[in-house]
């Protein structure tokens, strides 16, 4: 990490772990929202 603004986020793997708990339908692209699910959390989040 180039910043310490996000405590505990030291590598992209750390960020992935955190975002896996945060990605949701509200953060999914609207055009894909109807297909978003907890099983496909990364859909529409790129």
ModelCIF file with pLDDT and N, C-alpha, C, O atoms, coordinates in Angstrom:
data_MODEL
#
_entry.id   MODEL 
#
_entity.id                         1 
_entity.type                       polymer 
_entity.pdbx_number_of_molecules   1 
#
_entity_poly.entity_id                      1 
_entity_poly.type                           'polypeptide(L)' 
_entity_poly.nstd_linkage                   no 
_entity_poly.nstd_monomer                   no 
_entity_poly.pdbx_seq_one_letter_code       
;(UNK)(UNK)(UNK)(UNK)(UNK)(UNK)(UNK)(UNK)(UNK)(UNK)(UNK)(UNK)(UNK)(UNK)(UNK)(UNK)
(UNK)(UNK)(UNK)(UNK)(UNK)(UNK)(UNK)(UNK)(UNK)(UNK)(UNK)(UNK)(UNK)(UNK)(UNK)(UNK)
(UNK)(UNK)(UNK)(UNK)(UNK)(UNK)(UNK)(UNK)(UNK)(UNK)(UNK)(UNK)(UNK)(UNK)
;
_entity_poly.pdbx_seq_one_letter_code_can   XXXXXXXXXXXXXXXXXXXXXXXXXXXXXXXXXXXXXXXXXXXXXX 
_entity_poly.pdbx_strand_id                 A 
#
loop_
_entity_poly_seq.entity_id 
_entity_poly_seq.num 
_entity_poly_seq.mon_id 
_entity_poly_seq.hetero 
1 1  UNK n 
1 2  UNK n 
1 3  UNK n 
1 4  UNK n 
1 5  UNK n 
1 6  UNK n 
1 7  UNK n 
1 8  UNK n 
1 9  UNK n 
1 10 UNK n 
1 11 UNK n 
1 12 UNK n 
1 13 UNK n 
1 14 UNK n 
1 15 UNK n 
1 16 UNK n 
1 17 UNK n 
1 18 UNK n 
1 19 UNK n 
1 20 UNK n 
1 21 UNK n 
1 22 UNK n 
1 23 UNK n 
1 24 UNK n 
1 25 UNK n 
1 26 UNK n 
1 27 UNK n 
1 28 UNK n 
1 29 UNK n 
1 30 UNK n 
1 31 UNK n 
1 32 UNK n 
1 33 UNK n 
1 34 UNK n 
1 35 UNK n 
1 36 UNK n 
1 37 UNK n 
1 38 UNK n 
1 39 UNK n 
1 40 UNK n 
1 41 UNK n 
1 42 UNK n 
1 43 UNK n 
1 44 UNK n 
1 45 UNK n 
1 46 UNK n 
#
_struct_asym.id          A 
_struct_asym.entity_id   1 
#
loop_
_ma_qa_metric.id 
_ma_qa_metric.mode 
_ma_qa_metric.name 
_ma_qa_metric.software_group_id 
_ma_qa_metric.type 
1 global pLDDT . pLDDT 
2 local  pLDDT . pLDDT 
#
_ma_qa_metric_global.metric_id      1 
_ma_qa_metric_global.metric_value   95.76 
_ma_qa_metric_global.model_id       1 
_ma_qa_metric_global.ordinal_id     1 
#
loop_
_ma_qa_metric_local.label_asym_id 
_ma_qa_metric_local.label_comp_id 
_ma_qa_metric_local.label_seq_id 
_ma_qa_metric_local.metric_id 
_ma_qa_metric_local.metric_value 
_ma_qa_metric_local.model_id 
_ma_qa_metric_local.ordinal_id 
A UNK 1  2 96.00 1 1  
A UNK 2  2 96.00 1 2  
A UNK 3  2 93.00 1 3  
A UNK 4  2 91.00 1 4  
A UNK 5  2 92.00 1 5  
A UNK 6  2 95.00 1 6  
A UNK 7  2 92.00 1 7  
A UNK 8  2 93.00 1 8  
A UNK 9  2 96.00 1 9  
A UNK 10 2 95.00 1 10 
A UNK 11 2 96.00 1 11 
A UNK 12 2 97.00 1 12 
A UNK 13 2 96.00 1 13 
A UNK 14 2 96.00 1 14 
A UNK 15 2 97.00 1 15 
A UNK 16 2 97.00 1 16 
A UNK 17 2 96.00 1 17 
A UNK 18 2 96.00 1 18 
A UNK 19 2 97.00 1 19 
A UNK 20 2 96.00 1 20 
A UNK 21 2 95.00 1 21 
A UNK 22 2 97.00 1 22 
A UNK 23 2 98.00 1 23 
A UNK 24 2 97.00 1 24 
A UNK 25 2 97.00 1 25 
A UNK 26 2 96.00 1 26 
A UNK 27 2 97.00 1 27 
A UNK 28 2 97.00 1 28 
A UNK 29 2 96.00 1 29 
A UNK 30 2 96.00 1 30 
A UNK 31 2 94.00 1 31 
A UNK 32 2 95.00 1 32 
A UNK 33 2 96.00 1 33 
A UNK 34 2 96.00 1 34 
A UNK 35 2 96.00 1 35 
A UNK 36 2 96.00 1 36 
A UNK 37 2 96.00 1 37 
A UNK 38 2 95.00 1 38 
A UNK 39 2 94.00 1 39 
A UNK 40 2 95.00 1 40 
A UNK 41 2 96.00 1 41 
A UNK 42 2 97.00 1 42 
A UNK 43 2 97.00 1 43 
A UNK 44 2 97.00 1 44 
A UNK 45 2 98.00 1 45 
A UNK 46 2 98.00 1 46 
#
loop_
_atom_site.group_PDB 
_atom_site.id 
_atom_site.type_symbol 
_atom_site.label_atom_id 
_atom_site.label_alt_id 
_atom_site.label_comp_id 
_atom_site.label_asym_id 
_atom_site.label_entity_id 
_atom_site.label_seq_id 
_atom_site.pdbx_PDB_ins_code 
_atom_site.Cartn_x 
_atom_site.Cartn_y 
_atom_site.Cartn_z 
_atom_site.occupancy 
_atom_site.B_iso_or_equiv 
_atom_site.pdbx_formal_charge 
_atom_site.auth_seq_id 
_atom_site.auth_comp_id 
_atom_site.auth_asym_id 
_atom_site.auth_atom_id 
_atom_site.pdbx_PDB_model_num 
ATOM 1   N N  . UNK A 1 1  ? 0.853   -1.199  0.000   1.00 96.00 ? 1  UNK A N  1 
ATOM 2   C CA . UNK A 1 1  ? 0.000   0.000   0.000   1.00 96.00 ? 1  UNK A CA 1 
ATOM 3   C C  . UNK A 1 1  ? 0.883   1.241   0.000   1.00 96.00 ? 1  UNK A C  1 
ATOM 4   O O  . UNK A 1 1  ? 1.910   1.292   0.678   1.00 96.00 ? 1  UNK A O  1 
ATOM 5   N N  . UNK A 1 2  ? 0.467   2.235   -0.770  1.00 96.00 ? 2  UNK A N  1 
ATOM 6   C CA . UNK A 1 2  ? 1.213   3.496   -0.850  1.00 96.00 ? 2  UNK A CA 1 
ATOM 7   C C  . UNK A 1 2  ? 0.678   4.510   0.159   1.00 96.00 ? 2  UNK A C  1 
ATOM 8   O O  . UNK A 1 2  ? 1.186   5.627   0.254   1.00 96.00 ? 2  UNK A O  1 
ATOM 9   N N  . UNK A 1 3  ? -0.342  4.117   0.906   1.00 93.00 ? 3  UNK A N  1 
ATOM 10  C CA . UNK A 1 3  ? -0.947  4.982   1.913   1.00 93.00 ? 3  UNK A CA 1 
ATOM 11  C C  . UNK A 1 3  ? -1.290  4.139   3.132   1.00 93.00 ? 3  UNK A C  1 
ATOM 12  O O  . UNK A 1 3  ? -1.513  2.933   3.026   1.00 93.00 ? 3  UNK A O  1 
ATOM 13  N N  . UNK A 1 4  ? -1.328  4.785   4.286   1.00 91.00 ? 4  UNK A N  1 
ATOM 14  C CA . UNK A 1 4  ? -1.761  4.071   5.496   1.00 91.00 ? 4  UNK A CA 1 
ATOM 15  C C  . UNK A 1 4  ? -3.159  4.517   5.902   1.00 91.00 ? 4  UNK A C  1 
ATOM 16  O O  . UNK A 1 4  ? -3.570  4.330   7.047   1.00 91.00 ? 4  UNK A O  1 
ATOM 17  N N  . UNK A 1 5  ? -3.881  5.103   4.963   1.00 92.00 ? 5  UNK A N  1 
ATOM 18  C CA . UNK A 1 5  ? -5.239  5.590   5.217   1.00 92.00 ? 5  UNK A CA 1 
ATOM 19  C C  . UNK A 1 5  ? -6.215  4.450   5.531   1.00 92.00 ? 5  UNK A C  1 
ATOM 20  O O  . UNK A 1 5  ? -7.242  4.664   6.175   1.00 92.00 ? 5  UNK A O  1 
ATOM 21  N N  . UNK A 1 6  ? -5.884  3.236   5.070   1.00 95.00 ? 6  UNK A N  1 
ATOM 22  C CA . UNK A 1 6  ? -6.771  2.089   5.274   1.00 95.00 ? 6  UNK A CA 1 
ATOM 23  C C  . UNK A 1 6  ? -6.031  1.062   6.131   1.00 95.00 ? 6  UNK A C  1 
ATOM 24  O O  . UNK A 1 6  ? -5.330  0.194   5.610   1.00 95.00 ? 6  UNK A O  1 
ATOM 25  N N  . UNK A 1 7  ? -6.192  1.169   7.438   1.00 92.00 ? 7  UNK A N  1 
ATOM 26  C CA . UNK A 1 7  ? -5.486  0.291   8.375   1.00 92.00 ? 7  UNK A CA 1 
ATOM 27  C C  . UNK A 1 7  ? -5.777  -1.170  8.061   1.00 92.00 ? 7  UNK A C  1 
ATOM 28  O O  . UNK A 1 7  ? -6.929  -1.570  7.890   1.00 92.00 ? 7  UNK A O  1 
ATOM 29  N N  . UNK A 1 8  ? -4.714  -1.952  7.991   1.00 93.00 ? 8  UNK A N  1 
ATOM 30  C CA . UNK A 1 8  ? -4.858  -3.382  7.737   1.00 93.00 ? 8  UNK A CA 1 
ATOM 31  C C  . UNK A 1 8  ? -4.831  -3.754  6.269   1.00 93.00 ? 8  UNK A C  1 
ATOM 32  O O  . UNK A 1 8  ? -4.721  -4.936  5.940   1.00 93.00 ? 8  UNK A O  1 
ATOM 33  N N  . UNK A 1 9  ? -4.927  -2.782  5.379   1.00 96.00 ? 9  UNK A N  1 
ATOM 34  C CA . UNK A 1 9  ? -4.873  -3.064  3.937   1.00 96.00 ? 9  UNK A CA 1 
ATOM 35  C C  . UNK A 1 9  ? -3.430  -2.828  3.498   1.00 96.00 ? 9  UNK A C  1 
ATOM 36  O O  . UNK A 1 9  ? -3.017  -1.697  3.240   1.00 96.00 ? 9  UNK A O  1 
ATOM 37  N N  . UNK A 1 10 ? -2.683  -3.911  3.421   1.00 95.00 ? 10 UNK A N  1 
ATOM 38  C CA . UNK A 1 10 ? -1.266  -3.815  3.067   1.00 95.00 ? 10 UNK A CA 1 
ATOM 39  C C  . UNK A 1 10 ? -0.966  -4.331  1.668   1.00 95.00 ? 10 UNK A C  1 
ATOM 40  O O  . UNK A 1 10 ? 0.014   -3.914  1.051   1.00 95.00 ? 10 UNK A O  1 
ATOM 41  N N  . UNK A 1 11 ? -1.800  -5.236  1.160   1.00 96.00 ? 11 UNK A N  1 
ATOM 42  C CA . UNK A 1 11 ? -1.610  -5.842  -0.162  1.00 96.00 ? 11 UNK A CA 1 
ATOM 43  C C  . UNK A 1 11 ? -2.951  -5.919  -0.883  1.00 96.00 ? 11 UNK A C  1 
ATOM 44  O O  . UNK A 1 11 ? -3.998  -5.756  -0.256  1.00 96.00 ? 11 UNK A O  1 
ATOM 45  N N  . UNK A 1 12 ? -2.932  -6.162  -2.183  1.00 97.00 ? 12 UNK A N  1 
ATOM 46  C CA . UNK A 1 12 ? -4.200  -6.364  -2.892  1.00 97.00 ? 12 UNK A CA 1 
ATOM 47  C C  . UNK A 1 12 ? -5.024  -7.522  -2.322  1.00 97.00 ? 12 UNK A C  1 
ATOM 48  O O  . UNK A 1 12 ? -6.254  -7.479  -2.354  1.00 97.00 ? 12 UNK A O  1 
ATOM 49  N N  . UNK A 1 13 ? -4.355  -8.555  -1.800  1.00 96.00 ? 13 UNK A N  1 
ATOM 50  C CA . UNK A 1 13 ? -5.106  -9.648  -1.172  1.00 96.00 ? 13 UNK A CA 1 
ATOM 51  C C  . UNK A 1 13 ? -5.879  -9.142  0.046   1.00 96.00 ? 13 UNK A C  1 
ATOM 52  O O  . UNK A 1 13 ? -7.026  -9.534  0.259   1.00 96.00 ? 13 UNK A O  1 
ATOM 53  N N  . UNK A 1 14 ? -5.255  -8.273  0.846   1.00 96.00 ? 14 UNK A N  1 
ATOM 54  C CA . UNK A 1 14 ? -5.955  -7.684  1.999   1.00 96.00 ? 14 UNK A CA 1 
ATOM 55  C C  . UNK A 1 14 ? -7.169  -6.887  1.533   1.00 96.00 ? 14 UNK A C  1 
ATOM 56  O O  . UNK A 1 14 ? -8.237  -6.954  2.141   1.00 96.00 ? 14 UNK A O  1 
ATOM 57  N N  . UNK A 1 15 ? -6.995  -6.134  0.452   1.00 97.00 ? 15 UNK A N  1 
ATOM 58  C CA . UNK A 1 15 ? -8.111  -5.341  -0.077  1.00 97.00 ? 15 UNK A CA 1 
ATOM 59  C C  . UNK A 1 15 ? -9.217  -6.261  -0.566  1.00 97.00 ? 15 UNK A C  1 
ATOM 60  O O  . UNK A 1 15 ? -10.393 -6.000  -0.316  1.00 97.00 ? 15 UNK A O  1 
ATOM 61  N N  . UNK A 1 16 ? -8.859  -7.321  -1.252  1.00 97.00 ? 16 UNK A N  1 
ATOM 62  C CA . UNK A 1 16 ? -9.856  -8.288  -1.727  1.00 97.00 ? 16 UNK A CA 1 
ATOM 63  C C  . UNK A 1 16 ? -10.633 -8.878  -0.553  1.00 97.00 ? 16 UNK A C  1 
ATOM 64  O O  . UNK A 1 16 ? -11.858 -8.987  -0.607  1.00 97.00 ? 16 UNK A O  1 
ATOM 65  N N  . UNK A 1 17 ? -9.919  -9.258  0.505   1.00 96.00 ? 17 UNK A N  1 
ATOM 66  C CA . UNK A 1 17 ? -10.586 -9.829  1.685   1.00 96.00 ? 17 UNK A CA 1 
ATOM 67  C C  . UNK A 1 17 ? -11.614 -8.848  2.251   1.00 96.00 ? 17 UNK A C  1 
ATOM 68  O O  . UNK A 1 17 ? -12.739 -9.232  2.569   1.00 96.00 ? 17 UNK A O  1 
ATOM 69  N N  . UNK A 1 18 ? -11.221 -7.585  2.375   1.00 96.00 ? 18 UNK A N  1 
ATOM 70  C CA . UNK A 1 18 ? -12.136 -6.571  2.923   1.00 96.00 ? 18 UNK A CA 1 
ATOM 71  C C  . UNK A 1 18 ? -13.318 -6.344  1.987   1.00 96.00 ? 18 UNK A C  1 
ATOM 72  O O  . UNK A 1 18 ? -14.470 -6.332  2.421   1.00 96.00 ? 18 UNK A O  1 
ATOM 73  N N  . UNK A 1 19 ? -13.024 -6.163  0.699   1.00 97.00 ? 19 UNK A N  1 
ATOM 74  C CA . UNK A 1 19 ? -14.114 -5.878  -0.246  1.00 97.00 ? 19 UNK A CA 1 
ATOM 75  C C  . UNK A 1 19 ? -15.069 -7.047  -0.388  1.00 97.00 ? 19 UNK A C  1 
ATOM 76  O O  . UNK A 1 19 ? -16.246 -6.852  -0.692  1.00 97.00 ? 19 UNK A O  1 
ATOM 77  N N  . UNK A 1 20 ? -14.581 -8.255  -0.174  1.00 96.00 ? 20 UNK A N  1 
ATOM 78  C CA . UNK A 1 20 ? -15.468 -9.428  -0.245  1.00 96.00 ? 20 UNK A CA 1 
ATOM 79  C C  . UNK A 1 20 ? -16.596 -9.332  0.769   1.00 96.00 ? 20 UNK A C  1 
ATOM 80  O O  . UNK A 1 20 ? -17.656 -9.931  0.590   1.00 96.00 ? 20 UNK A O  1 
ATOM 81  N N  . UNK A 1 21 ? -16.365 -8.579  1.828   1.00 95.00 ? 21 UNK A N  1 
ATOM 82  C CA . UNK A 1 21 ? -17.408 -8.370  2.833   1.00 95.00 ? 21 UNK A CA 1 
ATOM 83  C C  . UNK A 1 21 ? -18.243 -7.120  2.544   1.00 95.00 ? 21 UNK A C  1 
ATOM 84  O O  . UNK A 1 21 ? -19.285 -6.911  3.166   1.00 95.00 ? 21 UNK A O  1 
ATOM 85  N N  . UNK A 1 22 ? -17.788 -6.292  1.604   1.00 97.00 ? 22 UNK A N  1 
ATOM 86  C CA . UNK A 1 22 ? -18.437 -5.004  1.360   1.00 97.00 ? 22 UNK A CA 1 
ATOM 87  C C  . UNK A 1 22 ? -19.176 -4.905  0.019   1.00 97.00 ? 22 UNK A C  1 
ATOM 88  O O  . UNK A 1 22 ? -20.159 -4.171  -0.087  1.00 97.00 ? 22 UNK A O  1 
ATOM 89  N N  . UNK A 1 23 ? -18.718 -5.630  -0.996  1.00 98.00 ? 23 UNK A N  1 
ATOM 90  C CA . UNK A 1 23 ? -19.406 -5.580  -2.281  1.00 98.00 ? 23 UNK A CA 1 
ATOM 91  C C  . UNK A 1 23 ? -20.846 -6.010  -2.077  1.00 98.00 ? 23 UNK A C  1 
ATOM 92  O O  . UNK A 1 23 ? -21.123 -6.980  -1.371  1.00 98.00 ? 23 UNK A O  1 
ATOM 93  N N  . UNK A 1 24 ? -21.760 -5.282  -2.700  1.00 97.00 ? 24 UNK A N  1 
ATOM 94  C CA . UNK A 1 24 ? -23.173 -5.587  -2.537  1.00 97.00 ? 24 UNK A CA 1 
ATOM 95  C C  . UNK A 1 24 ? -23.936 -5.105  -3.760  1.00 97.00 ? 24 UNK A C  1 
ATOM 96  O O  . UNK A 1 24 ? -23.348 -4.509  -4.662  1.00 97.00 ? 24 UNK A O  1 
ATOM 97  N N  . UNK A 1 25 ? -25.231 -5.356  -3.799  1.00 97.00 ? 25 UNK A N  1 
ATOM 98  C CA . UNK A 1 25 ? -26.048 -4.919  -4.930  1.00 97.00 ? 25 UNK A CA 1 
ATOM 99  C C  . UNK A 1 25 ? -25.995 -3.401  -5.084  1.00 97.00 ? 25 UNK A C  1 
ATOM 100 O O  . UNK A 1 25 ? -26.037 -2.898  -6.206  1.00 97.00 ? 25 UNK A O  1 
ATOM 101 N N  . UNK A 1 26 ? -25.905 -2.670  -3.985  1.00 96.00 ? 26 UNK A N  1 
ATOM 102 C CA . UNK A 1 26 ? -25.863 -1.207  -4.051  1.00 96.00 ? 26 UNK A CA 1 
ATOM 103 C C  . UNK A 1 26 ? -24.588 -0.677  -4.696  1.00 96.00 ? 26 UNK A C  1 
ATOM 104 O O  . UNK A 1 26 ? -24.586 0.430   -5.234  1.00 96.00 ? 26 UNK A O  1 
ATOM 105 N N  . UNK A 1 27 ? -23.497 -1.455  -4.650  1.00 97.00 ? 27 UNK A N  1 
ATOM 106 C CA . UNK A 1 27 ? -22.257 -1.012  -5.289  1.00 97.00 ? 27 UNK A CA 1 
ATOM 107 C C  . UNK A 1 27 ? -22.094 -1.606  -6.690  1.00 97.00 ? 27 UNK A C  1 
ATOM 108 O O  . UNK A 1 27 ? -21.148 -1.266  -7.400  1.00 97.00 ? 27 UNK A O  1 
ATOM 109 N N  . UNK A 1 28 ? -22.997 -2.478  -7.086  1.00 97.00 ? 28 UNK A N  1 
ATOM 110 C CA . UNK A 1 28 ? -22.977 -3.093  -8.412  1.00 97.00 ? 28 UNK A CA 1 
ATOM 111 C C  . UNK A 1 28 ? -23.491 -2.100  -9.463  1.00 97.00 ? 28 UNK A C  1 
ATOM 112 O O  . UNK A 1 28 ? -24.370 -1.286  -9.181  1.00 97.00 ? 28 UNK A O  1 
ATOM 113 N N  . UNK A 1 29 ? -22.932 -2.178  -10.675 1.00 96.00 ? 29 UNK A N  1 
ATOM 114 C CA . UNK A 1 29 ? -23.412 -1.341  -11.782 1.00 96.00 ? 29 UNK A CA 1 
ATOM 115 C C  . UNK A 1 29 ? -24.906 -1.589  -11.983 1.00 96.00 ? 29 UNK A C  1 
ATOM 116 O O  . UNK A 1 29 ? -25.334 -2.742  -12.028 1.00 96.00 ? 29 UNK A O  1 
ATOM 117 N N  . UNK A 1 30 ? -25.707 -0.529  -12.104 1.00 96.00 ? 30 UNK A N  1 
ATOM 118 C CA . UNK A 1 30 ? -27.158 -0.691  -12.217 1.00 96.00 ? 30 UNK A CA 1 
ATOM 119 C C  . UNK A 1 30 ? -27.604 -1.657  -13.319 1.00 96.00 ? 30 UNK A C  1 
ATOM 120 O O  . UNK A 1 30 ? -28.572 -2.394  -13.136 1.00 96.00 ? 30 UNK A O  1 
ATOM 121 N N  . UNK A 1 31 ? -26.908 -1.659  -14.462 1.00 94.00 ? 31 UNK A N  1 
ATOM 122 C CA . UNK A 1 31 ? -27.331 -2.519  -15.567 1.00 94.00 ? 31 UNK A CA 1 
ATOM 123 C C  . UNK A 1 31 ? -27.123 -4.002  -15.246 1.00 94.00 ? 31 UNK A C  1 
ATOM 124 O O  . UNK A 1 31 ? -27.676 -4.864  -15.930 1.00 94.00 ? 31 UNK A O  1 
ATOM 125 N N  . UNK A 1 32 ? -26.335 -4.306  -14.215 1.00 95.00 ? 32 UNK A N  1 
ATOM 126 C CA . UNK A 1 32 ? -26.057 -5.702  -13.843 1.00 95.00 ? 32 UNK A CA 1 
ATOM 127 C C  . UNK A 1 32 ? -26.677 -6.091  -12.511 1.00 95.00 ? 32 UNK A C  1 
ATOM 128 O O  . UNK A 1 32 ? -26.583 -7.243  -12.089 1.00 95.00 ? 32 UNK A O  1 
ATOM 129 N N  . UNK A 1 33 ? -27.295 -5.154  -11.868 1.00 96.00 ? 33 UNK A N  1 
ATOM 130 C CA . UNK A 1 33 ? -27.767 -5.354  -10.493 1.00 96.00 ? 33 UNK A CA 1 
ATOM 131 C C  . UNK A 1 33 ? -28.719 -6.536  -10.346 1.00 96.00 ? 33 UNK A C  1 
ATOM 132 O O  . UNK A 1 33 ? -28.684 -7.233  -9.332  1.00 96.00 ? 33 UNK A O  1 
ATOM 133 N N  . UNK A 1 34 ? -29.564 -6.770  -11.341 1.00 96.00 ? 34 UNK A N  1 
ATOM 134 C CA . UNK A 1 34 ? -30.532 -7.875  -11.219 1.00 96.00 ? 34 UNK A CA 1 
ATOM 135 C C  . UNK A 1 34 ? -29.832 -9.239  -11.235 1.00 96.00 ? 34 UNK A C  1 
ATOM 136 O O  . UNK A 1 34 ? -30.406 -10.232 -10.789 1.00 96.00 ? 34 UNK A O  1 
ATOM 137 N N  . UNK A 1 35 ? -28.599 -9.290  -11.747 1.00 96.00 ? 35 UNK A N  1 
ATOM 138 C CA . UNK A 1 35 ? -27.839 -10.541 -11.785 1.00 96.00 ? 35 UNK A CA 1 
ATOM 139 C C  . UNK A 1 35 ? -26.843 -10.672 -10.631 1.00 96.00 ? 35 UNK A C  1 
ATOM 140 O O  . UNK A 1 35 ? -26.221 -11.721 -10.464 1.00 96.00 ? 35 UNK A O  1 
ATOM 141 N N  . UNK A 1 36 ? -26.690 -9.606  -9.835  1.00 96.00 ? 36 UNK A N  1 
ATOM 142 C CA . UNK A 1 36 ? -25.745 -9.656  -8.732  1.00 96.00 ? 36 UNK A CA 1 
ATOM 143 C C  . UNK A 1 36 ? -26.238 -10.637 -7.668  1.00 96.00 ? 36 UNK A C  1 
ATOM 144 O O  . UNK A 1 36 ? -27.440 -10.746 -7.427  1.00 96.00 ? 36 UNK A O  1 
ATOM 145 N N  . UNK A 1 37 ? -25.308 -11.346 -7.036  1.00 96.00 ? 37 UNK A N  1 
ATOM 146 C CA . UNK A 1 37 ? -25.658 -12.242 -5.929  1.00 96.00 ? 37 UNK A CA 1 
ATOM 147 C C  . UNK A 1 37 ? -24.440 -12.388 -5.021  1.00 96.00 ? 37 UNK A C  1 
ATOM 148 O O  . UNK A 1 37 ? -23.316 -12.113 -5.443  1.00 96.00 ? 37 UNK A O  1 
ATOM 149 N N  . UNK A 1 38 ? -24.655 -12.818 -3.781  1.00 95.00 ? 38 UNK A N  1 
ATOM 150 C CA . UNK A 1 38 ? -23.518 -13.060 -2.889  1.00 95.00 ? 38 UNK A CA 1 
ATOM 151 C C  . UNK A 1 38 ? -22.546 -14.103 -3.447  1.00 95.00 ? 38 UNK A C  1 
ATOM 152 O O  . UNK A 1 38 ? -21.369 -14.107 -3.087  1.00 95.00 ? 38 UNK A O  1 
ATOM 153 N N  . UNK A 1 39 ? -23.031 -14.981 -4.319  1.00 94.00 ? 39 UNK A N  1 
ATOM 154 C CA . UNK A 1 39 ? -22.161 -15.984 -4.936  1.00 94.00 ? 39 UNK A CA 1 
ATOM 155 C C  . UNK A 1 39 ? -21.310 -15.382 -6.049  1.00 94.00 ? 39 UNK A C  1 
ATOM 156 O O  . UNK A 1 39 ? -20.279 -15.947 -6.414  1.00 94.00 ? 39 UNK A O  1 
ATOM 157 N N  . UNK A 1 40 ? -21.726 -14.250 -6.586  1.00 95.00 ? 40 UNK A N  1 
ATOM 158 C CA . UNK A 1 40 ? -20.954 -13.558 -7.625  1.00 95.00 ? 40 UNK A CA 1 
ATOM 159 C C  . UNK A 1 40 ? -20.804 -12.097 -7.200  1.00 95.00 ? 40 UNK A C  1 
ATOM 160 O O  . UNK A 1 40 ? -21.289 -11.186 -7.871  1.00 95.00 ? 40 UNK A O  1 
ATOM 161 N N  . UNK A 1 41 ? -20.128 -11.899 -6.081  1.00 96.00 ? 41 UNK A N  1 
ATOM 162 C CA . UNK A 1 41 ? -19.978 -10.575 -5.461  1.00 96.00 ? 41 UNK A CA 1 
ATOM 163 C C  . UNK A 1 41 ? -19.257 -9.564  -6.341  1.00 96.00 ? 41 UNK A C  1 
ATOM 164 O O  . UNK A 1 41 ? -19.526 -8.367  -6.245  1.00 96.00 ? 41 UNK A O  1 
ATOM 165 N N  . UNK A 1 42 ? -18.344 -10.022 -7.200  1.00 97.00 ? 42 UNK A N  1 
ATOM 166 C CA . UNK A 1 42 ? -17.535 -9.091  -7.984  1.00 97.00 ? 42 UNK A CA 1 
ATOM 167 C C  . UNK A 1 42 ? -18.263 -8.564  -9.212  1.00 97.00 ? 42 UNK A C  1 
ATOM 168 O O  . UNK A 1 42 ? -17.767 -7.651  -9.873  1.00 97.00 ? 42 UNK A O  1 
ATOM 169 N N  . UNK A 1 43 ? -19.421 -9.116  -9.528  1.00 97.00 ? 43 UNK A N  1 
ATOM 170 C CA . UNK A 1 43 ? -20.179 -8.678  -10.706 1.00 97.00 ? 43 UNK A CA 1 
ATOM 171 C C  . UNK A 1 43 ? -20.503 -7.189  -10.621 1.00 97.00 ? 43 UNK A C  1 
ATOM 172 O O  . UNK A 1 43 ? -21.057 -6.717  -9.629  1.00 97.00 ? 43 UNK A O  1 
ATOM 173 N N  . UNK A 1 44 ? -20.149 -6.460  -11.675 1.00 97.00 ? 44 UNK A N  1 
ATOM 174 C CA . UNK A 1 44 ? -20.493 -5.044  -11.764 1.00 97.00 ? 44 UNK A CA 1 
ATOM 175 C C  . UNK A 1 44 ? -19.741 -4.123  -10.824 1.00 97.00 ? 44 UNK A C  1 
ATOM 176 O O  . UNK A 1 44 ? -20.179 -3.000  -10.575 1.00 97.00 ? 44 UNK A O  1 
ATOM 177 N N  . UNK A 1 45 ? -18.603 -4.588  -10.295 1.00 98.00 ? 45 UNK A N  1 
ATOM 178 C CA . UNK A 1 45 ? -17.847 -3.811  -9.308  1.00 98.00 ? 45 UNK A CA 1 
ATOM 179 C C  . UNK A 1 45 ? -16.509 -3.314  -9.851  1.00 98.00 ? 45 UNK A C  1 
ATOM 180 O O  . UNK A 1 45 ? -15.749 -2.695  -9.106  1.00 98.00 ? 45 UNK A O  1 
ATOM 181 N N  . UNK A 1 46 ? -16.193 -3.564  -11.128 1.00 98.00 ? 46 UNK A N  1 
ATOM 182 C CA . UNK A 1 46 ? -14.809 -3.420  -11.599 1.00 98.00 ? 46 UNK A CA 1 
ATOM 183 C C  . UNK A 1 46 ? -14.249 -2.008  -11.533 1.00 98.00 ? 46 UNK A C  1 
ATOM 184 O O  . UNK A 1 46 ? -13.097 -1.783  -11.905 1.00 98.00 ? 46 UNK A O  1 
#
